[in-house]
Amino acid sequence: MSRNQNKTVEKDASVDAYFKTIKDAKRAEQCRAVDSLMRSVTRRAPKMWGSSIVGYGKYHYQYASGREGDFMLTGWSSRARNLTLYIMGGFDGFDALLEKLGPHRTGKSCLYVTDLDKIDLKALRSLVRKSVAYMRKTYKTE
């Protein structure tokens, strides 16, 4: 792999098989809820990205440096401590929606949630919907 290639790429692996690796029943139920929300918003079937990320849709990017590639529009992963959601910020109202969301942490394009039961699902749906709309407006998408 060259230094210009993404480590995380779309795979032919089974999303259903990934769900079976989630042993905690509550976490599995919450992952199913996020899957349903993301399917509804993106109108795309989930695909595996790497070995542990479920992604929906795809966009193509190209940086000024010449580096280019494809990545998922949005997605999630069940991690040991959190449910990680991949949501791109940068759209109007992002911070206000985060304030309504409930307990969470953020990273560069990650939203970390410990318990979906403590999250405002309406705010989460709006975050995903607006993120996907922003990505579709900004990049060439599938």
N, C-alpha and C. Protein backbone atom coordinates (compact mmCIF):
# COMPACT_ATOMS: atom_id res chain seq x y z
N MET A 1 0.84 -1.18 0.00
CA MET A 1 0.00 0.00 0.00
C MET A 1 0.89 1.24 0.00
N SER A 2 0.64 2.13 -0.92
CA SER A 2 1.42 3.36 -0.96
C SER A 2 0.93 4.30 0.13
N ARG A 3 1.72 5.29 0.45
CA ARG A 3 1.34 6.21 1.52
C ARG A 3 0.15 7.08 1.14
N ASN A 4 -0.24 7.07 -0.12
CA ASN A 4 -1.37 7.87 -0.56
C ASN A 4 -2.68 7.09 -0.57
N GLN A 5 -2.66 5.82 -0.20
CA GLN A 5 -3.88 5.03 -0.19
C GLN A 5 -4.50 5.02 1.20
N ASN A 6 -5.82 4.97 1.24
CA ASN A 6 -6.51 4.85 2.52
C ASN A 6 -6.28 3.47 3.11
N LYS A 7 -6.17 3.41 4.42
CA LYS A 7 -6.10 2.12 5.11
C LYS A 7 -7.49 1.48 5.14
N THR A 8 -8.50 2.32 5.24
CA THR A 8 -9.87 1.83 5.33
C THR A 8 -10.52 1.91 3.96
N VAL A 9 -10.79 0.75 3.38
CA VAL A 9 -11.40 0.69 2.05
C VAL A 9 -12.61 -0.24 2.09
N GLU A 10 -13.48 -0.06 1.11
CA GLU A 10 -14.67 -0.89 0.99
C GLU A 10 -14.27 -2.34 0.75
N LYS A 11 -14.94 -3.25 1.46
CA LYS A 11 -14.66 -4.69 1.36
C LYS A 11 -15.92 -5.44 0.91
N ASP A 12 -15.72 -6.67 0.47
CA ASP A 12 -16.85 -7.53 0.11
C ASP A 12 -17.37 -8.32 1.30
N ALA A 13 -16.84 -8.08 2.48
CA ALA A 13 -17.23 -8.83 3.68
C ALA A 13 -18.70 -8.60 4.01
N SER A 14 -19.27 -9.53 4.75
CA SER A 14 -20.68 -9.52 5.11
C SER A 14 -20.96 -8.61 6.31
N VAL A 15 -21.90 -7.70 6.14
CA VAL A 15 -22.34 -6.85 7.25
C VAL A 15 -23.05 -7.72 8.29
N ASP A 16 -23.84 -8.68 7.85
CA ASP A 16 -24.52 -9.59 8.79
C ASP A 16 -23.51 -10.34 9.65
N ALA A 17 -22.42 -10.77 9.06
CA ALA A 17 -21.37 -11.46 9.83
C ALA A 17 -20.77 -10.51 10.87
N TYR A 18 -20.61 -9.24 10.51
CA TYR A 18 -20.09 -8.27 11.47
C TYR A 18 -21.05 -8.12 12.64
N PHE A 19 -22.34 -8.03 12.36
CA PHE A 19 -23.33 -7.92 13.44
C PHE A 19 -23.20 -9.09 14.42
N LYS A 20 -22.90 -10.27 13.90
CA LYS A 20 -22.77 -11.45 14.76
C LYS A 20 -21.57 -11.38 15.68
N THR A 21 -20.61 -10.51 15.38
CA THR A 21 -19.44 -10.36 16.26
C THR A 21 -19.74 -9.47 17.46
N ILE A 22 -20.86 -8.78 17.45
CA ILE A 22 -21.23 -7.88 18.55
C ILE A 22 -21.95 -8.71 19.60
N LYS A 23 -21.24 -9.09 20.63
CA LYS A 23 -21.74 -10.05 21.62
C LYS A 23 -22.68 -9.44 22.66
N ASP A 24 -22.50 -8.18 23.00
CA ASP A 24 -23.36 -7.53 23.98
C ASP A 24 -24.73 -7.26 23.35
N ALA A 25 -25.78 -7.81 23.94
CA ALA A 25 -27.13 -7.73 23.35
C ALA A 25 -27.61 -6.28 23.23
N LYS A 26 -27.38 -5.48 24.24
CA LYS A 26 -27.82 -4.08 24.19
C LYS A 26 -27.07 -3.32 23.09
N ARG A 27 -25.76 -3.53 23.01
CA ARG A 27 -24.98 -2.86 21.97
C ARG A 27 -25.45 -3.30 20.59
N ALA A 28 -25.70 -4.60 20.41
CA ALA A 28 -26.17 -5.11 19.12
C ALA A 28 -27.50 -4.46 18.73
N GLU A 29 -28.39 -4.32 19.70
CA GLU A 29 -29.69 -3.67 19.45
C GLU A 29 -29.48 -2.21 19.04
N GLN A 30 -28.57 -1.52 19.72
CA GLN A 30 -28.31 -0.13 19.38
C GLN A 30 -27.65 0.00 18.01
N CYS A 31 -26.80 -0.95 17.66
CA CYS A 31 -26.19 -0.94 16.32
C CYS A 31 -27.26 -1.16 15.25
N ARG A 32 -28.21 -2.03 15.52
CA ARG A 32 -29.32 -2.24 14.58
C ARG A 32 -30.12 -0.95 14.40
N ALA A 33 -30.32 -0.22 15.49
CA ALA A 33 -31.06 1.05 15.40
C ALA A 33 -30.30 2.06 14.55
N VAL A 34 -28.99 2.16 14.75
CA VAL A 34 -28.17 3.09 13.95
C VAL A 34 -28.16 2.65 12.49
N ASP A 35 -28.06 1.34 12.26
CA ASP A 35 -28.12 0.81 10.89
C ASP A 35 -29.42 1.23 10.22
N SER A 36 -30.53 1.07 10.90
CA SER A 36 -31.82 1.44 10.34
C SER A 36 -31.89 2.94 10.04
N LEU A 37 -31.40 3.76 10.95
CA LEU A 37 -31.39 5.20 10.75
C LEU A 37 -30.55 5.57 9.53
N MET A 38 -29.36 5.00 9.43
CA MET A 38 -28.47 5.36 8.32
C MET A 38 -28.98 4.84 6.98
N ARG A 39 -29.59 3.67 6.97
CA ARG A 39 -30.21 3.16 5.73
C ARG A 39 -31.31 4.11 5.28
N SER A 40 -32.13 4.54 6.25
CA SER A 40 -33.25 5.43 5.96
C SER A 40 -32.77 6.77 5.40
N VAL A 41 -31.76 7.35 6.02
CA VAL A 41 -31.26 8.66 5.60
C VAL A 41 -30.55 8.58 4.25
N THR A 42 -29.67 7.59 4.09
CA THR A 42 -28.84 7.53 2.87
C THR A 42 -29.52 6.83 1.72
N ARG A 43 -30.49 5.98 2.03
CA ARG A 43 -31.14 5.13 1.03
C ARG A 43 -30.11 4.24 0.33
N ARG A 44 -29.13 3.79 1.11
CA ARG A 44 -28.07 2.92 0.61
C ARG A 44 -27.96 1.71 1.52
N ALA A 45 -27.64 0.57 0.92
CA ALA A 45 -27.37 -0.64 1.69
C ALA A 45 -26.00 -0.50 2.35
N PRO A 46 -25.83 -1.08 3.52
CA PRO A 46 -24.53 -0.99 4.18
C PRO A 46 -23.48 -1.86 3.51
N LYS A 47 -22.25 -1.41 3.61
CA LYS A 47 -21.08 -2.15 3.11
C LYS A 47 -20.04 -2.11 4.22
N MET A 48 -19.21 -3.12 4.26
CA MET A 48 -18.10 -3.13 5.21
C MET A 48 -16.97 -2.28 4.65
N TRP A 49 -16.38 -1.48 5.51
CA TRP A 49 -15.20 -0.69 5.21
C TRP A 49 -14.14 -1.14 6.20
N GLY A 50 -13.12 -1.81 5.71
CA GLY A 50 -12.18 -2.44 6.60
C GLY A 50 -12.87 -3.62 7.28
N SER A 51 -12.37 -3.99 8.43
CA SER A 51 -12.94 -5.17 9.10
C SER A 51 -14.00 -4.84 10.13
N SER A 52 -14.17 -3.54 10.46
CA SER A 52 -15.09 -3.25 11.56
C SER A 52 -15.90 -1.97 11.41
N ILE A 53 -15.99 -1.42 10.21
CA ILE A 53 -16.78 -0.21 9.99
C ILE A 53 -17.87 -0.53 8.97
N VAL A 54 -19.10 -0.16 9.32
CA VAL A 54 -20.24 -0.33 8.42
C VAL A 54 -20.50 1.04 7.80
N GLY A 55 -20.41 1.13 6.48
CA GLY A 55 -20.56 2.41 5.80
C GLY A 55 -21.73 2.41 4.83
N TYR A 56 -22.20 3.61 4.52
CA TYR A 56 -23.36 3.81 3.65
C TYR A 56 -23.00 4.85 2.61
N GLY A 57 -23.22 4.52 1.35
CA GLY A 57 -22.88 5.44 0.28
C GLY A 57 -21.38 5.60 0.14
N LYS A 58 -21.00 6.42 -0.81
CA LYS A 58 -19.58 6.61 -1.08
C LYS A 58 -19.40 7.98 -1.74
N TYR A 59 -18.26 8.60 -1.45
CA TYR A 59 -17.93 9.85 -2.13
C TYR A 59 -16.48 9.80 -2.60
N HIS A 60 -16.19 10.59 -3.62
CA HIS A 60 -14.83 10.67 -4.16
C HIS A 60 -14.26 12.03 -3.79
N TYR A 61 -13.05 12.02 -3.27
CA TYR A 61 -12.38 13.26 -2.90
C TYR A 61 -11.07 13.39 -3.66
N GLN A 62 -10.63 14.62 -3.82
CA GLN A 62 -9.31 14.91 -4.39
C GLN A 62 -8.78 16.16 -3.70
N TYR A 63 -7.63 16.02 -3.08
CA TYR A 63 -6.99 17.13 -2.39
C TYR A 63 -6.11 17.92 -3.35
N ALA A 64 -5.74 19.13 -2.95
CA ALA A 64 -4.85 19.97 -3.76
C ALA A 64 -3.50 19.28 -3.99
N SER A 65 -3.11 18.41 -3.05
CA SER A 65 -1.84 17.68 -3.16
C SER A 65 -1.86 16.65 -4.29
N GLY A 66 -3.08 16.36 -4.80
CA GLY A 66 -3.23 15.34 -5.82
C GLY A 66 -3.75 14.02 -5.28
N ARG A 67 -3.66 13.84 -3.98
CA ARG A 67 -4.19 12.61 -3.37
C ARG A 67 -5.69 12.56 -3.59
N GLU A 68 -6.17 11.39 -3.98
CA GLU A 68 -7.61 11.22 -4.17
C GLU A 68 -8.01 9.81 -3.78
N GLY A 69 -9.28 9.63 -3.57
CA GLY A 69 -9.77 8.32 -3.20
C GLY A 69 -11.26 8.34 -2.97
N ASP A 70 -11.75 7.23 -2.48
CA ASP A 70 -13.17 7.07 -2.18
C ASP A 70 -13.32 6.73 -0.70
N PHE A 71 -14.41 7.21 -0.11
CA PHE A 71 -14.71 6.90 1.28
C PHE A 71 -16.21 6.91 1.48
N MET A 72 -16.66 6.34 2.57
CA MET A 72 -18.10 6.25 2.84
C MET A 72 -18.67 7.63 3.18
N LEU A 73 -19.94 7.83 2.85
CA LEU A 73 -20.62 9.08 3.20
C LEU A 73 -20.80 9.18 4.71
N THR A 74 -21.23 8.09 5.32
CA THR A 74 -21.45 8.02 6.76
C THR A 74 -21.34 6.56 7.17
N GLY A 75 -21.21 6.33 8.44
CA GLY A 75 -21.10 4.95 8.90
C GLY A 75 -20.98 4.87 10.40
N TRP A 76 -20.70 3.67 10.90
CA TRP A 76 -20.57 3.44 12.33
C TRP A 76 -19.72 2.20 12.58
N SER A 77 -19.29 2.06 13.81
CA SER A 77 -18.56 0.89 14.24
C SER A 77 -18.80 0.66 15.72
N SER A 78 -18.93 -0.58 16.11
CA SER A 78 -19.04 -0.93 17.52
C SER A 78 -17.63 -1.14 18.05
N ARG A 79 -17.21 -0.26 18.93
CA ARG A 79 -15.89 -0.35 19.54
C ARG A 79 -16.04 -0.81 20.99
N ALA A 80 -14.95 -1.14 21.63
CA ALA A 80 -15.00 -1.67 22.99
C ALA A 80 -15.70 -0.71 23.96
N ARG A 81 -15.40 0.57 23.87
CA ARG A 81 -15.96 1.53 24.83
C ARG A 81 -17.11 2.36 24.29
N ASN A 82 -17.23 2.46 22.97
CA ASN A 82 -18.21 3.37 22.38
C ASN A 82 -18.82 2.80 21.12
N LEU A 83 -19.93 3.38 20.76
CA LEU A 83 -20.47 3.24 19.43
C LEU A 83 -19.93 4.47 18.69
N THR A 84 -19.14 4.23 17.66
CA THR A 84 -18.51 5.33 16.93
C THR A 84 -19.29 5.57 15.64
N LEU A 85 -19.72 6.81 15.45
CA LEU A 85 -20.44 7.19 14.25
C LEU A 85 -19.55 8.13 13.44
N TYR A 86 -19.49 7.89 12.14
CA TYR A 86 -18.65 8.68 11.25
C TYR A 86 -19.55 9.70 10.55
N ILE A 87 -19.48 10.92 11.05
CA ILE A 87 -20.33 12.01 10.58
C ILE A 87 -19.43 13.21 10.29
N MET A 88 -19.50 13.73 9.08
CA MET A 88 -18.68 14.88 8.71
C MET A 88 -19.40 16.16 9.13
N GLY A 89 -18.70 16.98 9.87
CA GLY A 89 -19.23 18.28 10.27
C GLY A 89 -19.01 19.29 9.16
N GLY A 90 -19.10 20.56 9.50
CA GLY A 90 -18.83 21.60 8.52
C GLY A 90 -20.08 22.24 7.96
N PHE A 91 -21.23 21.73 8.33
CA PHE A 91 -22.48 22.30 7.83
C PHE A 91 -23.09 23.22 8.89
N ASP A 92 -23.94 24.14 8.44
CA ASP A 92 -24.62 25.06 9.35
C ASP A 92 -25.47 24.27 10.33
N GLY A 93 -25.37 24.63 11.60
CA GLY A 93 -26.19 24.00 12.63
C GLY A 93 -25.54 22.79 13.28
N PHE A 94 -24.34 22.42 12.86
CA PHE A 94 -23.66 21.24 13.41
C PHE A 94 -23.51 21.34 14.93
N ASP A 95 -22.94 22.45 15.41
CA ASP A 95 -22.69 22.60 16.85
C ASP A 95 -23.99 22.64 17.65
N ALA A 96 -25.01 23.29 17.11
CA ALA A 96 -26.30 23.35 17.81
C ALA A 96 -26.91 21.95 17.95
N LEU A 97 -26.79 21.14 16.91
CA LEU A 97 -27.30 19.77 17.00
C LEU A 97 -26.52 18.94 18.00
N LEU A 98 -25.20 19.14 18.05
CA LEU A 98 -24.39 18.43 19.04
C LEU A 98 -24.82 18.79 20.47
N GLU A 99 -25.19 20.06 20.68
CA GLU A 99 -25.64 20.50 22.00
C GLU A 99 -26.93 19.80 22.41
N LYS A 100 -27.79 19.49 21.47
CA LYS A 100 -29.07 18.82 21.74
C LYS A 100 -28.91 17.31 21.90
N LEU A 101 -27.80 16.77 21.41
CA LEU A 101 -27.63 15.32 21.27
C LEU A 101 -27.67 14.55 22.57
N GLY A 102 -27.02 15.04 23.58
CA GLY A 102 -26.86 14.28 24.82
C GLY A 102 -25.40 13.91 24.98
N PRO A 103 -25.09 13.01 25.94
CA PRO A 103 -23.69 12.71 26.24
C PRO A 103 -22.94 12.07 25.07
N HIS A 104 -21.84 12.72 24.67
CA HIS A 104 -21.04 12.25 23.54
C HIS A 104 -19.66 12.90 23.61
N ARG A 105 -18.76 12.40 22.79
CA ARG A 105 -17.46 13.03 22.54
C ARG A 105 -17.31 13.09 21.03
N THR A 106 -16.43 13.97 20.58
CA THR A 106 -16.19 14.06 19.14
C THR A 106 -14.71 13.96 18.84
N GLY A 107 -14.41 13.52 17.62
CA GLY A 107 -13.07 13.52 17.06
C GLY A 107 -13.16 14.23 15.73
N LYS A 108 -12.16 14.06 14.89
CA LYS A 108 -12.12 14.80 13.63
C LYS A 108 -13.40 14.63 12.82
N SER A 109 -13.81 13.42 12.54
CA SER A 109 -15.09 13.18 11.87
C SER A 109 -15.82 12.04 12.56
N CYS A 110 -15.56 11.90 13.87
CA CYS A 110 -16.17 10.83 14.65
C CYS A 110 -17.02 11.39 15.77
N LEU A 111 -18.10 10.71 16.01
CA LEU A 111 -18.98 11.01 17.12
C LEU A 111 -19.01 9.76 17.98
N TYR A 112 -18.58 9.88 19.24
CA TYR A 112 -18.50 8.74 20.14
C TYR A 112 -19.67 8.79 21.12
N VAL A 113 -20.45 7.70 21.14
CA VAL A 113 -21.62 7.60 22.00
C VAL A 113 -21.48 6.33 22.83
N THR A 114 -21.65 6.46 24.13
CA THR A 114 -21.55 5.30 25.01
C THR A 114 -22.87 4.55 25.09
N ASP A 115 -23.98 5.30 25.14
CA ASP A 115 -25.29 4.67 25.30
C ASP A 115 -26.33 5.41 24.45
N LEU A 116 -26.81 4.76 23.42
CA LEU A 116 -27.79 5.37 22.52
C LEU A 116 -29.09 5.74 23.25
N ASP A 117 -29.39 5.05 24.35
CA ASP A 117 -30.60 5.36 25.12
C ASP A 117 -30.56 6.76 25.73
N LYS A 118 -29.38 7.33 25.86
CA LYS A 118 -29.23 8.67 26.45
C LYS A 118 -29.10 9.76 25.39
N ILE A 119 -29.27 9.38 24.14
CA ILE A 119 -29.10 10.30 23.01
C ILE A 119 -30.46 10.73 22.47
N ASP A 120 -30.56 11.98 22.07
CA ASP A 120 -31.75 12.49 21.40
C ASP A 120 -31.69 11.98 19.96
N LEU A 121 -32.51 10.98 19.66
CA LEU A 121 -32.46 10.35 18.34
C LEU A 121 -32.90 11.28 17.22
N LYS A 122 -33.76 12.24 17.53
CA LYS A 122 -34.16 13.23 16.52
C LYS A 122 -32.95 14.09 16.14
N ALA A 123 -32.16 14.50 17.13
CA ALA A 123 -30.95 15.28 16.86
C ALA A 123 -29.93 14.43 16.10
N LEU A 124 -29.81 13.14 16.46
CA LEU A 124 -28.88 12.26 15.76
C LEU A 124 -29.29 12.10 14.30
N ARG A 125 -30.58 11.89 14.04
CA ARG A 125 -31.07 11.76 12.67
C ARG A 125 -30.77 13.04 11.88
N SER A 126 -30.96 14.19 12.50
CA SER A 126 -30.68 15.46 11.83
C SER A 126 -29.19 15.60 11.53
N LEU A 127 -28.33 15.18 12.48
CA LEU A 127 -26.89 15.22 12.23
C LEU A 127 -26.51 14.37 11.03
N VAL A 128 -27.02 13.16 10.98
CA VAL A 128 -26.69 12.25 9.87
C VAL A 128 -27.25 12.81 8.57
N ARG A 129 -28.50 13.25 8.59
CA ARG A 129 -29.14 13.76 7.37
C ARG A 129 -28.40 14.99 6.83
N LYS A 130 -28.06 15.93 7.71
CA LYS A 130 -27.39 17.15 7.26
C LYS A 130 -25.95 16.86 6.84
N SER A 131 -25.29 15.94 7.50
CA SER A 131 -23.94 15.56 7.11
C SER A 131 -23.94 14.95 5.71
N VAL A 132 -24.86 14.03 5.47
CA VAL A 132 -24.95 13.37 4.17
C VAL A 132 -25.29 14.39 3.08
N ALA A 133 -26.22 15.29 3.37
CA ALA A 133 -26.58 16.33 2.39
C ALA A 133 -25.38 17.22 2.08
N TYR A 134 -24.63 17.58 3.11
CA TYR A 134 -23.43 18.39 2.92
C TYR A 134 -22.41 17.66 2.05
N MET A 135 -22.20 16.38 2.32
CA MET A 135 -21.23 15.60 1.54
C MET A 135 -21.69 15.46 0.09
N ARG A 136 -22.98 15.25 -0.11
CA ARG A 136 -23.49 15.11 -1.48
C ARG A 136 -23.38 16.41 -2.26
N LYS A 137 -23.50 17.53 -1.56
CA LYS A 137 -23.36 18.84 -2.21
C LYS A 137 -21.89 19.16 -2.51
N THR A 138 -21.00 18.70 -1.65
CA THR A 138 -19.58 19.06 -1.73
C THR A 138 -18.76 18.15 -2.63
N TYR A 139 -19.11 16.87 -2.68
CA TYR A 139 -18.31 15.87 -3.39
C TYR A 139 -19.15 15.10 -4.39
N LYS A 140 -18.47 14.43 -5.30
CA LYS A 140 -19.13 13.50 -6.22
C LYS A 140 -19.45 12.25 -5.39
N THR A 141 -20.72 11.87 -5.37
CA THR A 141 -21.15 10.76 -4.53
C THR A 141 -21.85 9.67 -5.32
N GLU A 142 -21.92 8.51 -4.72
CA GLU A 142 -22.69 7.38 -5.27
C GLU A 142 -23.83 7.08 -4.35
